[in-house]
Amino acid sequence: MLFDDLYSGYKLKEFEFLNWGVFNKTINRLNLNMQNSLLSGEIGSGKSTIVDAICTLLLPTNKIIYNKAAGAKAKERTLQSYILGEYKKSIDEYGVASVKRLR
């Protein structure tokens, strides 16, 4: 193995995100120090949302399947839904669907 192969690929020193998905109004920072990291947390805590934010920066938009880390199907989430902070879909008593958004 060549020395260069050992250090190839993306290395994130830190990652900041603001108003992405349900992470609203606060700058969130992950200090990765260019090392491997483990993202863990409770169900619904935003792990897949963070992975989707990183993928948005690193991948072409036509290659991203949002929420894939949580087993979602293609088109379940979109770049627009993350930017608008969509967090709940509901159907009223007349059968009309609506989406609640933070932004």
PDB file of N, CA and C in Angstrom:
ATOM      1  N   MET A   1       0.848  -1.171   0.000  1.00  0.00           N
ATOM      2  CA  MET A   1       0.000   0.000   0.000  1.00  0.00           C
ATOM      3  C   MET A   1       0.896   1.237   0.000  1.00  0.00           C
ATOM      4  N   LEU A   2       0.580   2.155  -0.847  1.00  0.00           N
ATOM      5  CA  LEU A   2       1.310   3.410  -0.900  1.00  0.00           C
ATOM      6  C   LEU A   2       0.868   4.329   0.228  1.00  0.00           C
ATOM      7  N   PHE A   3       1.767   5.172   0.660  1.00  0.00           N
ATOM      8  CA  PHE A   3       1.457   6.138   1.709  1.00  0.00           C
ATOM      9  C   PHE A   3       0.260   7.002   1.324  1.00  0.00           C
ATOM     10  N   ASP A   4       0.189   7.433   0.057  1.00  0.00           N
ATOM     11  CA  ASP A   4      -0.913   8.282  -0.405  1.00  0.00           C
ATOM     12  C   ASP A   4      -2.259   7.576  -0.308  1.00  0.00           C
ATOM     13  N   ASP A   5      -2.291   6.262  -0.527  1.00  0.00           N
ATOM     14  CA  ASP A   5      -3.548   5.518  -0.447  1.00  0.00           C
ATOM     15  C   ASP A   5      -4.124   5.543   0.965  1.00  0.00           C
ATOM     16  N   LEU A   6      -3.247   5.588   1.950  1.00  0.00           N
ATOM     17  CA  LEU A   6      -3.686   5.593   3.337  1.00  0.00           C
ATOM     18  C   LEU A   6      -4.493   6.846   3.669  1.00  0.00           C
ATOM     19  N   TYR A   7      -4.185   7.948   2.999  1.00  0.00           N
ATOM     20  CA  TYR A   7      -4.823   9.221   3.302  1.00  0.00           C
ATOM     21  C   TYR A   7      -5.726   9.728   2.178  1.00  0.00           C
ATOM     22  N   SER A   8      -6.136   8.878   1.271  1.00  0.00           N
ATOM     23  CA  SER A   8      -6.986   9.326   0.169  1.00  0.00           C
ATOM     24  C   SER A   8      -8.442   9.428   0.620  1.00  0.00           C
ATOM     25  N   GLY A   9      -9.230  10.187  -0.123  1.00  0.00           N
ATOM     26  CA  GLY A   9     -10.647  10.335   0.175  1.00  0.00           C
ATOM     27  C   GLY A   9     -10.936  11.644   0.884  1.00  0.00           C
ATOM     28  N   TYR A  10     -12.169  11.777   1.337  1.00  0.00           N
ATOM     29  CA  TYR A  10     -12.596  12.985   2.039  1.00  0.00           C
ATOM     30  C   TYR A  10     -12.230  12.884   3.510  1.00  0.00           C
ATOM     31  N   LYS A  11     -11.735  13.963   4.041  1.00  0.00           N
ATOM     32  CA  LYS A  11     -11.418  14.045   5.462  1.00  0.00           C
ATOM     33  C   LYS A  11     -12.042  15.338   5.984  1.00  0.00           C
ATOM     34  N   LEU A  12     -13.030  15.222   6.839  1.00  0.00           N
ATOM     35  CA  LEU A  12     -13.691  16.393   7.392  1.00  0.00           C
ATOM     36  C   LEU A  12     -13.065  16.771   8.721  1.00  0.00           C
ATOM     37  N   LYS A  13     -12.669  18.009   8.832  1.00  0.00           N
ATOM     38  CA  LYS A  13     -12.138  18.496  10.100  1.00  0.00           C
ATOM     39  C   LYS A  13     -13.299  18.846  11.029  1.00  0.00           C
ATOM     40  N   GLU A  14     -14.252  19.605  10.494  1.00  0.00           N
ATOM     41  CA  GLU A  14     -15.464  19.906  11.231  1.00  0.00           C
ATOM     42  C   GLU A  14     -16.602  20.131  10.252  1.00  0.00           C
ATOM     43  N   PHE A  15     -17.792  20.016  10.758  1.00  0.00           N
ATOM     44  CA  PHE A  15     -18.976  20.177   9.922  1.00  0.00           C
ATOM     45  C   PHE A  15     -19.973  21.008  10.707  1.00  0.00           C
ATOM     46  N   GLU A  16     -20.410  22.112  10.113  1.00  0.00           N
ATOM     47  CA  GLU A  16     -21.400  22.974  10.733  1.00  0.00           C
ATOM     48  C   GLU A  16     -22.658  23.005   9.879  1.00  0.00           C
ATOM     49  N   PHE A  17     -23.800  23.034  10.543  1.00  0.00           N
ATOM     50  CA  PHE A  17     -25.048  23.155   9.799  1.00  0.00           C
ATOM     51  C   PHE A  17     -26.030  24.006  10.590  1.00  0.00           C
ATOM     52  N   LEU A  18     -26.824  24.760   9.838  1.00  0.00           N
ATOM     53  CA  LEU A  18     -27.808  25.678  10.399  1.00  0.00           C
ATOM     54  C   LEU A  18     -29.071  25.566   9.557  1.00  0.00           C
ATOM     55  N   ASN A  19     -30.213  25.460  10.201  1.00  0.00           N
ATOM     56  CA  ASN A  19     -31.498  25.379   9.500  1.00  0.00           C
ATOM     57  C   ASN A  19     -31.509  24.260   8.465  1.00  0.00           C
ATOM     58  N   TRP A  20     -31.112  23.088   8.889  1.00  0.00           N
ATOM     59  CA  TRP A  20     -31.168  21.909   8.021  1.00  0.00           C
ATOM     60  C   TRP A  20     -32.119  20.932   8.675  1.00  0.00           C
ATOM     61  N   GLY A  21     -33.197  20.598   7.969  1.00  0.00           N
ATOM     62  CA  GLY A  21     -34.195  19.709   8.549  1.00  0.00           C
ATOM     63  C   GLY A  21     -34.760  20.317   9.821  1.00  0.00           C
ATOM     64  N   VAL A  22     -34.839  19.507  10.860  1.00  0.00           N
ATOM     65  CA  VAL A  22     -35.409  19.992  12.123  1.00  0.00           C
ATOM     66  C   VAL A  22     -34.382  20.674  13.021  1.00  0.00           C
ATOM     67  N   PHE A  23     -33.124  20.746  12.607  1.00  0.00           N
ATOM     68  CA  PHE A  23     -32.115  21.491  13.349  1.00  0.00           C
ATOM     69  C   PHE A  23     -32.308  22.956  12.977  1.00  0.00           C
ATOM     70  N   ASN A  24     -32.942  23.706  13.847  1.00  0.00           N
ATOM     71  CA  ASN A  24     -33.460  25.024  13.508  1.00  0.00           C
ATOM     72  C   ASN A  24     -32.868  26.114  14.396  1.00  0.00           C
ATOM     73  N   LYS A  25     -32.472  27.222  13.798  1.00  0.00           N
ATOM     74  CA  LYS A  25     -32.091  28.466  14.463  1.00  0.00           C
ATOM     75  C   LYS A  25     -30.804  28.404  15.274  1.00  0.00           C
ATOM     76  N   THR A  26     -30.104  27.312  15.292  1.00  0.00           N
ATOM     77  CA  THR A  26     -28.869  27.180  16.049  1.00  0.00           C
ATOM     78  C   THR A  26     -27.806  26.563  15.150  1.00  0.00           C
ATOM     79  N   ILE A  27     -26.602  27.097  15.223  1.00  0.00           N
ATOM     80  CA  ILE A  27     -25.498  26.489  14.482  1.00  0.00           C
ATOM     81  C   ILE A  27     -25.063  25.238  15.235  1.00  0.00           C
ATOM     82  N   ASN A  28     -25.081  24.119  14.548  1.00  0.00           N
ATOM     83  CA  ASN A  28     -24.657  22.852  15.124  1.00  0.00           C
ATOM     84  C   ASN A  28     -23.301  22.502  14.540  1.00  0.00           C
ATOM     85  N   ARG A  29     -22.401  22.005  15.369  1.00  0.00           N
ATOM     86  CA  ARG A  29     -21.044  21.705  14.913  1.00  0.00           C
ATOM     87  C   ARG A  29     -20.634  20.299  15.347  1.00  0.00           C
ATOM     88  N   LEU A  30     -20.075  19.569  14.383  1.00  0.00           N
ATOM     89  CA  LEU A  30     -19.451  18.277  14.669  1.00  0.00           C
ATOM     90  C   LEU A  30     -17.952  18.456  14.474  1.00  0.00           C
ATOM     91  N   ASN A  31     -17.171  18.219  15.502  1.00  0.00           N
ATOM     92  CA  ASN A  31     -15.719  18.274  15.404  1.00  0.00           C
ATOM     93  C   ASN A  31     -15.212  16.867  15.107  1.00  0.00           C
ATOM     94  N   LEU A  32     -14.822  16.636  13.874  1.00  0.00           N
ATOM     95  CA  LEU A  32     -14.428  15.296  13.431  1.00  0.00           C
ATOM     96  C   LEU A  32     -12.917  15.106  13.408  1.00  0.00           C
ATOM     97  N   ASN A  33     -12.168  16.194  13.347  1.00  0.00           N
ATOM     98  CA  ASN A  33     -10.702  16.147  13.367  1.00  0.00           C
ATOM     99  C   ASN A  33     -10.108  15.185  12.343  1.00  0.00           C
ATOM    100  N   MET A  34     -10.760  15.072  11.197  1.00  0.00           N
ATOM    101  CA  MET A  34     -10.290  14.236  10.086  1.00  0.00           C
ATOM    102  C   MET A  34     -10.110  12.771  10.500  1.00  0.00           C
ATOM    103  N   GLN A  35     -10.905  12.325  11.455  1.00  0.00           N
ATOM    104  CA  GLN A  35     -10.852  10.945  11.942  1.00  0.00           C
ATOM    105  C   GLN A  35     -12.174  10.254  11.640  1.00  0.00           C
ATOM    106  N   ASN A  36     -12.181   8.939  11.725  1.00  0.00           N
ATOM    107  CA  ASN A  36     -13.437   8.206  11.642  1.00  0.00           C
ATOM    108  C   ASN A  36     -14.289   8.572  12.844  1.00  0.00           C
ATOM    109  N   SER A  37     -15.591   8.604  12.648  1.00  0.00           N
ATOM    110  CA  SER A  37     -16.493   8.996  13.729  1.00  0.00           C
ATOM    111  C   SER A  37     -17.707   8.087  13.731  1.00  0.00           C
ATOM    112  N   LEU A  38     -18.309   7.958  14.888  1.00  0.00           N
ATOM    113  CA  LEU A  38     -19.522   7.180  15.055  1.00  0.00           C
ATOM    114  C   LEU A  38     -20.638   8.132  15.431  1.00  0.00           C
ATOM    115  N   LEU A  39     -21.720   8.088  14.670  1.00  0.00           N
ATOM    116  CA  LEU A  39     -22.883   8.929  14.932  1.00  0.00           C
ATOM    117  C   LEU A  39     -23.940   8.031  15.561  1.00  0.00           C
ATOM    118  N   SER A  40     -24.277   8.301  16.806  1.00  0.00           N
ATOM    119  CA  SER A  40     -25.258   7.460  17.492  1.00  0.00           C
ATOM    120  C   SER A  40     -26.260   8.342  18.220  1.00  0.00           C
ATOM    121  N   GLY A  41     -27.402   7.780  18.518  1.00  0.00           N
ATOM    122  CA  GLY A  41     -28.429   8.518  19.240  1.00  0.00           C
ATOM    123  C   GLY A  41     -29.743   7.776  19.215  1.00  0.00           C
ATOM    124  N   GLU A  42     -30.706   8.322  19.909  1.00  0.00           N
ATOM    125  CA  GLU A  42     -32.045   7.737  19.981  1.00  0.00           C
ATOM    126  C   GLU A  42     -32.739   7.764  18.623  1.00  0.00           C
ATOM    127  N   ILE A  43     -33.736   6.947  18.457  1.00  0.00           N
ATOM    128  CA  ILE A  43     -34.557   6.962  17.255  1.00  0.00           C
ATOM    129  C   ILE A  43     -35.204   8.342  17.143  1.00  0.00           C
ATOM    130  N   GLY A  44     -35.108   8.927  15.959  1.00  0.00           N
ATOM    131  CA  GLY A  44     -35.705  10.238  15.725  1.00  0.00           C
ATOM    132  C   GLY A  44     -34.867  11.404  16.211  1.00  0.00           C
ATOM    133  N   SER A  45     -33.621  11.165  16.590  1.00  0.00           N
ATOM    134  CA  SER A  45     -32.781  12.248  17.124  1.00  0.00           C
ATOM    135  C   SER A  45     -32.090  13.064  16.040  1.00  0.00           C
ATOM    136  N   GLY A  46     -32.140  12.604  14.775  1.00  0.00           N
ATOM    137  CA  GLY A  46     -31.582  13.381  13.680  1.00  0.00           C
ATOM    138  C   GLY A  46     -30.319  12.824  13.056  1.00  0.00           C
ATOM    139  N   LYS A  47     -29.981  11.583  13.357  1.00  0.00           N
ATOM    140  CA  LYS A  47     -28.772  10.978  12.778  1.00  0.00           C
ATOM    141  C   LYS A  47     -28.829  10.953  11.257  1.00  0.00           C
ATOM    142  N   SER A  48     -29.910  10.483  10.689  1.00  0.00           N
ATOM    143  CA  SER A  48     -30.054  10.418   9.229  1.00  0.00           C
ATOM    144  C   SER A  48     -30.084  11.814   8.617  1.00  0.00           C
ATOM    145  N   THR A  49     -30.638  12.770   9.336  1.00  0.00           N
ATOM    146  CA  THR A  49     -30.670  14.151   8.857  1.00  0.00           C
ATOM    147  C   THR A  49     -29.260  14.701   8.716  1.00  0.00           C
ATOM    148  N   ILE A  50     -28.391  14.397   9.676  1.00  0.00           N
ATOM    149  CA  ILE A  50     -27.000  14.844   9.607  1.00  0.00           C
ATOM    150  C   ILE A  50     -26.275  14.164   8.456  1.00  0.00           C
ATOM    151  N   VAL A  51     -26.490  12.866   8.278  1.00  0.00           N
ATOM    152  CA  VAL A  51     -25.866  12.139   7.165  1.00  0.00           C
ATOM    153  C   VAL A  51     -26.320  12.742   5.839  1.00  0.00           C
ATOM    154  N   ASP A  52     -27.594  13.081   5.724  1.00  0.00           N
ATOM    155  CA  ASP A  52     -28.105  13.693   4.495  1.00  0.00           C
ATOM    156  C   ASP A  52     -27.482  15.062   4.242  1.00  0.00           C
ATOM    157  N   ALA A  53     -27.226  15.824   5.291  1.00  0.00           N
ATOM    158  CA  ALA A  53     -26.581  17.132   5.131  1.00  0.00           C
ATOM    159  C   ALA A  53     -25.167  16.960   4.579  1.00  0.00           C
ATOM    160  N   ILE A  54     -24.429  16.001   5.101  1.00  0.00           N
ATOM    161  CA  ILE A  54     -23.069  15.746   4.616  1.00  0.00           C
ATOM    162  C   ILE A  54     -23.108  15.259   3.170  1.00  0.00           C
ATOM    163  N   CYS A  55     -24.024  14.354   2.855  1.00  0.00           N
ATOM    164  CA  CYS A  55     -24.150  13.855   1.477  1.00  0.00           C
ATOM    165  C   CYS A  55     -24.487  14.980   0.507  1.00  0.00           C
ATOM    166  N   THR A  56     -25.299  15.943   0.939  1.00  0.00           N
ATOM    167  CA  THR A  56     -25.661  17.072   0.087  1.00  0.00           C
ATOM    168  C   THR A  56     -24.428  17.866  -0.318  1.00  0.00           C
ATOM    169  N   LEU A  57     -23.470  17.967   0.581  1.00  0.00           N
ATOM    170  CA  LEU A  57     -22.236  18.694   0.272  1.00  0.00           C
ATOM    171  C   LEU A  57     -21.284  17.886  -0.602  1.00  0.00           C
ATOM    172  N   LEU A  58     -21.262  16.581  -0.436  1.00  0.00           N
ATOM    173  CA  LEU A  58     -20.231  15.767  -1.077  1.00  0.00           C
ATOM    174  C   LEU A  58     -20.663  15.069  -2.363  1.00  0.00           C
ATOM    175  N   LEU A  59     -21.949  14.916  -2.584  1.00  0.00           N
ATOM    176  CA  LEU A  59     -22.434  14.159  -3.739  1.00  0.00           C
ATOM    177  C   LEU A  59     -23.193  15.046  -4.723  1.00  0.00           C
ATOM    178  N   PRO A  60     -23.191  14.659  -6.007  1.00  0.00           N
ATOM    179  CA  PRO A  60     -24.043  15.376  -6.968  1.00  0.00           C
ATOM    180  C   PRO A  60     -25.516  15.161  -6.607  1.00  0.00           C
ATOM    181  N   THR A  61     -26.333  16.172  -6.815  1.00  0.00           N
ATOM    182  CA  THR A  61     -27.743  16.096  -6.395  1.00  0.00           C
ATOM    183  C   THR A  61     -28.505  14.941  -7.029  1.00  0.00           C
ATOM    184  N   ASN A  62     -28.127  14.536  -8.234  1.00  0.00           N
ATOM    185  CA  ASN A  62     -28.857  13.438  -8.875  1.00  0.00           C
ATOM    186  C   ASN A  62     -28.465  12.067  -8.329  1.00  0.00           C
ATOM    187  N   LYS A  63     -27.492  12.007  -7.436  1.00  0.00           N
ATOM    188  CA  LYS A  63     -27.048  10.732  -6.861  1.00  0.00           C
ATOM    189  C   LYS A  63     -27.535  10.515  -5.435  1.00  0.00           C
ATOM    190  N   ILE A  64     -28.145  11.538  -4.832  1.00  0.00           N
ATOM    191  CA  ILE A  64     -28.526  11.453  -3.422  1.00  0.00           C
ATOM    192  C   ILE A  64     -29.913  10.835  -3.272  1.00  0.00           C
ATOM    193  N   ILE A  65     -30.017   9.854  -2.403  1.00  0.00           N
ATOM    194  CA  ILE A  65     -31.318   9.352  -1.959  1.00  0.00           C
ATOM    195  C   ILE A  65     -31.427   9.773  -0.502  1.00  0.00           C
ATOM    196  N   TYR A  66     -32.200  10.818  -0.251  1.00  0.00           N
ATOM    197  CA  TYR A  66     -32.314  11.353   1.095  1.00  0.00           C
ATOM    198  C   TYR A  66     -32.972  10.353   2.030  1.00  0.00           C
ATOM    199  N   ASN A  67     -32.483  10.341   3.268  1.00  0.00           N
ATOM    200  CA  ASN A  67     -32.966   9.481   4.342  1.00  0.00           C
ATOM    201  C   ASN A  67     -32.686   8.003   4.069  1.00  0.00           C
ATOM    202  N   LYS A  68     -31.757   7.713   3.181  1.00  0.00           N
ATOM    203  CA  LYS A  68     -31.402   6.335   2.870  1.00  0.00           C
ATOM    204  C   LYS A  68     -30.854   5.610   4.096  1.00  0.00           C
ATOM    205  N   ALA A  69     -30.139   6.331   4.939  1.00  0.00           N
ATOM    206  CA  ALA A  69     -29.579   5.728   6.153  1.00  0.00           C
ATOM    207  C   ALA A  69     -30.673   5.156   7.048  1.00  0.00           C
ATOM    208  N   ALA A  70     -31.873   5.693   6.945  1.00  0.00           N
ATOM    209  CA  ALA A  70     -33.003   5.204   7.742  1.00  0.00           C
ATOM    210  C   ALA A  70     -33.880   4.247   6.949  1.00  0.00           C
ATOM    211  N   GLY A  71     -33.408   3.820   5.778  1.00  0.00           N
ATOM    212  CA  GLY A  71     -34.153   2.850   4.985  1.00  0.00           C
ATOM    213  C   GLY A  71     -35.263   3.446   4.141  1.00  0.00           C
ATOM    214  N   ALA A  72     -35.197   4.736   3.853  1.00  0.00           N
ATOM    215  CA  ALA A  72     -36.254   5.390   3.079  1.00  0.00           C
ATOM    216  C   ALA A  72     -36.172   5.021   1.600  1.00  0.00           C
ATOM    217  N   LYS A  73     -37.293   5.112   0.948  1.00  0.00           N
ATOM    218  CA  LYS A  73     -37.359   4.919  -0.500  1.00  0.00           C
ATOM    219  C   LYS A  73     -36.951   6.213  -1.199  1.00  0.00           C
ATOM    220  N   ALA A  74     -36.599   6.092  -2.475  1.00  0.00           N
ATOM    221  CA  ALA A  74     -36.244   7.286  -3.254  1.00  0.00           C
ATOM    222  C   ALA A  74     -37.430   8.250  -3.266  1.00  0.00           C
ATOM    223  N   LYS A  75     -37.143   9.534  -3.196  1.00  0.00           N
ATOM    224  CA  LYS A  75     -38.121  10.631  -3.259  1.00  0.00           C
ATOM    225  C   LYS A  75     -38.939  10.801  -1.982  1.00  0.00           C
ATOM    226  N   GLU A  76     -38.629  10.052  -0.910  1.00  0.00           N
ATOM    227  CA  GLU A  76     -39.354  10.249   0.344  1.00  0.00           C
ATOM    228  C   GLU A  76     -39.027  11.615   0.942  1.00  0.00           C
ATOM    229  N   ARG A  77     -37.752  12.002   0.897  1.00  0.00           N
ATOM    230  CA  ARG A  77     -37.301  13.322   1.307  1.00  0.00           C
ATOM    231  C   ARG A  77     -36.615  13.974   0.118  1.00  0.00           C
ATOM    232  N   THR A  78     -36.611  15.301   0.105  1.00  0.00           N
ATOM    233  CA  THR A  78     -35.970  16.043  -0.977  1.00  0.00           C
ATOM    234  C   THR A  78     -35.117  17.153  -0.390  1.00  0.00           C
ATOM    235  N   LEU A  79     -34.279  17.737  -1.212  1.00  0.00           N
ATOM    236  CA  LEU A  79     -33.496  18.884  -0.780  1.00  0.00           C
ATOM    237  C   LEU A  79     -34.427  19.990  -0.293  1.00  0.00           C
ATOM    238  N   GLN A  80     -35.512  20.218  -1.004  1.00  0.00           N
ATOM    239  CA  GLN A  80     -36.467  21.262  -0.626  1.00  0.00           C
ATOM    240  C   GLN A  80     -37.096  20.968   0.740  1.00  0.00           C
ATOM    241  N   SER A  81     -37.429  19.713   1.009  1.00  0.00           N
ATOM    242  CA  SER A  81     -38.060  19.400   2.298  1.00  0.00           C
ATOM    243  C   SER A  81     -37.108  19.651   3.461  1.00  0.00           C
ATOM    244  N   TYR A  82     -35.812  19.419   3.255  1.00  0.00           N
ATOM    245  CA  TYR A  82     -34.840  19.707   4.311  1.00  0.00           C
ATOM    246  C   TYR A  82     -34.667  21.207   4.507  1.00  0.00           C
ATOM    247  N   ILE A  83     -34.582  21.948   3.423  1.00  0.00           N
ATOM    248  CA  ILE A  83     -34.395  23.392   3.511  1.00  0.00           C
ATOM    249  C   ILE A  83     -35.603  24.061   4.184  1.00  0.00           C
ATOM    250  N   LEU A  84     -36.790  23.580   3.882  1.00  0.00           N
ATOM    251  CA  LEU A  84     -38.000  24.150   4.480  1.00  0.00           C
ATOM    252  C   LEU A  84     -38.265  23.628   5.890  1.00  0.00           C
ATOM    253  N   GLY A  85     -37.516  22.624   6.320  1.00  0.00           N
ATOM    254  CA  GLY A  85     -37.680  22.086   7.670  1.00  0.00           C
ATOM    255  C   GLY A  85     -38.964  21.316   7.865  1.00  0.00           C
ATOM    256  N   GLU A  86     -39.363  20.539   6.861  1.00  0.00           N
ATOM    257  CA  GLU A  86     -40.592  19.754   6.982  1.00  0.00           C
ATOM    258  C   GLU A  86     -40.422  18.698   8.068  1.00  0.00           C
ATOM    259  N   TYR A  87     -41.401  18.622   8.952  1.00  0.00           N
ATOM    260  CA  TYR A  87     -41.267  17.676  10.059  1.00  0.00           C
ATOM    261  C   TYR A  87     -42.516  16.841  10.316  1.00  0.00           C
ATOM    262  N   LYS A  88     -43.633  17.166   9.689  1.00  0.00           N
ATOM    263  CA  LYS A  88     -44.846  16.404   9.945  1.00  0.00           C
ATOM    264  C   LYS A  88     -45.793  16.496   8.764  1.00  0.00           C
ATOM    265  N   LYS A  89     -46.332  15.363   8.379  1.00  0.00           N
ATOM    266  CA  LYS A  89     -47.364  15.328   7.349  1.00  0.00           C
ATOM    267  C   LYS A  89     -48.653  14.875   8.021  1.00  0.00           C
ATOM    268  N   SER A  90     -49.734  15.549   7.681  1.00  0.00           N
ATOM    269  CA  SER A  90     -51.008  15.184   8.281  1.00  0.00           C
ATOM    270  C   SER A  90     -52.124  15.318   7.261  1.00  0.00           C
ATOM    271  N   ILE A  91     -53.256  14.676   7.572  1.00  0.00           N
ATOM    272  CA  ILE A  91     -54.449  14.725   6.722  1.00  0.00           C
ATOM    273  C   ILE A  91     -55.597  15.230   7.585  1.00  0.00           C
ATOM    274  N   ASP A  92     -56.278  16.272   7.111  1.00  0.00           N
ATOM    275  CA  ASP A  92     -57.375  16.824   7.896  1.00  0.00           C
ATOM    276  C   ASP A  92     -58.639  15.993   7.735  1.00  0.00           C
ATOM    277  N   GLU A  93     -59.723  16.430   8.381  1.00  0.00           N
ATOM    278  CA  GLU A  93     -60.982  15.662   8.355  1.00  0.00           C
ATOM    279  C   GLU A  93     -61.614  15.581   6.972  1.00  0.00           C
ATOM    280  N   TYR A  94     -61.156  16.420   6.028  1.00  0.00           N
ATOM    281  CA  TYR A  94     -61.673  16.393   4.654  1.00  0.00           C
ATOM    282  C   TYR A  94     -60.783  15.578   3.727  1.00  0.00           C
ATOM    283  N   GLY A  95     -59.726  14.984   4.281  1.00  0.00           N
ATOM    284  CA  GLY A  95     -58.820  14.183   3.471  1.00  0.00           C
ATOM    285  C   GLY A  95     -57.753  14.985   2.743  1.00  0.00           C
ATOM    286  N   VAL A  96     -57.593  16.251   3.118  1.00  0.00           N
ATOM    287  CA  VAL A  96     -56.595  17.110   2.482  1.00  0.00           C
ATOM    288  C   VAL A  96     -55.273  16.977   3.240  1.00  0.00           C
ATOM    289  N   ALA A  97     -54.236  16.618   2.503  1.00  0.00           N
ATOM    290  CA  ALA A  97     -52.920  16.448   3.112  1.00  0.00           C
ATOM    291  C   ALA A  97     -52.206  17.785   3.225  1.00  0.00           C
ATOM    292  N   SER A  98     -51.465  17.955   4.312  1.00  0.00           N
ATOM    293  CA  SER A  98     -50.662  19.160   4.487  1.00  0.00           C
ATOM    294  C   SER A  98     -49.353  18.787   5.175  1.00  0.00           C
ATOM    295  N   VAL A  99     -48.390  19.667   5.051  1.00  0.00           N
ATOM    296  CA  VAL A  99     -47.076  19.448   5.631  1.00  0.00           C
ATOM    297  C   VAL A  99     -46.763  20.613   6.563  1.00  0.00           C
ATOM    298  N   LYS A 100     -46.284  20.303   7.767  1.00  0.00           N
ATOM    299  CA  LYS A 100     -45.854  21.348   8.686  1.00  0.00           C
ATOM    300  C   LYS A 100     -44.376  21.618   8.436  1.00  0.00           C
ATOM    301  N   ARG A 101     -44.025  22.917   8.448  1.00  0.00           N
ATOM    302  CA  ARG A 101     -42.657  23.338   8.153  1.00  0.00           C
ATOM    303  C   ARG A 101     -42.166  24.317   9.207  1.00  0.00           C
ATOM    304  N   LEU A 102     -40.863  24.296   9.455  1.00  0.00           N
ATOM    305  CA  LEU A 102     -40.242  25.267  10.352  1.00  0.00           C
ATOM    306  C   LEU A 102     -39.904  26.566   9.652  1.00  0.00           C
ATOM    307  N   ARG A 103     -39.711  26.522   8.329  1.00  0.00           N
ATOM    308  CA  ARG A 103     -39.299  27.713   7.578  1.00  0.00           C
ATOM    309  C   ARG A 103     -40.162  27.850   6.343  1.00  0.00           C
TER     310      ARG A 103
END
